[in-house]
């Protein structure tokens, strides 16, 4: 008798129905793999676009934040004086070339400051850098800075990690005075430069002792804002950088705790405690990655007067 079942069997003994079932299962798996592949490509595309956005944010011209510092006893006949706070230049490719530094110098000079205070970290050797510039090449454009009372700087942790002597020499060649726990007269100001706290070089007491021997409105410039509790109320103005105001601030993530011992207390912007005021800049360049999010580059223009 004719066996229909055997006639529908393959040479291997498996029925056509079973083979069709396998083919259907393979098709479903292939469809799921294709869907997963498309989803991953979409995710990668979003990540690439967001990364490009953060890179473009790092390249933006700095926001100029302005405030007025009112000084009791400032001579009524004397005009106000403008202090420009800069920090964290971090010269390195791809985002901060010497050519970009030259453009920043032109923008700084356009603000016509009487005194420029630079709160450290002039170079960067970050792993993501596409080019590391020697100190002399990186900082040569700073020779174009113009301020009636000069440009005064302190060193930052990245300057020490590179070579503080190389950076100090490059700054001196550009006409910038570096203070390392020292003080000096600059027009109506007495500027104290506290050395880098992050690498353990800060000596606040030594700086204050030198400031007391000079006459004028006292200002302290420091790379790290963490010296704030050590500064007495007799110094009403402190300026700093170092935190980058987080640099990459995703909502709900604490991005600042790694660079300051005080969490968000001195993380960014204007902070008042007692009779003293601290200004913390987000900086001009970047650290670790050449990206910024919700922390635009900035500089502070402080008008000091009666």
Foldseek 3Di string as FASTA:
>chain_A
DDDPQVVQADPVRHGPVVVVVVVVVVVVVVVVVVVVVVVVVVVVVVVVVVQVVQLVLLQDQADEAEDEAEDPPFDPVDFWFKEKEFEAQAAFPDRHDLVVVLVNLVVQVVVAGQEYEYAANQHAPAPQTPGGDFLLRSCQSLLSHDHNQAYEYEYEPRCVVVPVVRNCVSCVVSVYHYADLAWDDRPQEIEFEAYYPVVPRGDPVSSVVRSVVDHHQYEYHHADPQCVVVDDLSNAYYEYEFQLLLQADDPPDQRRCVGYVPRCQLRAAWHDDDRHIYHYFSHNADHNDRGGDPRGHHMYIYTYGD
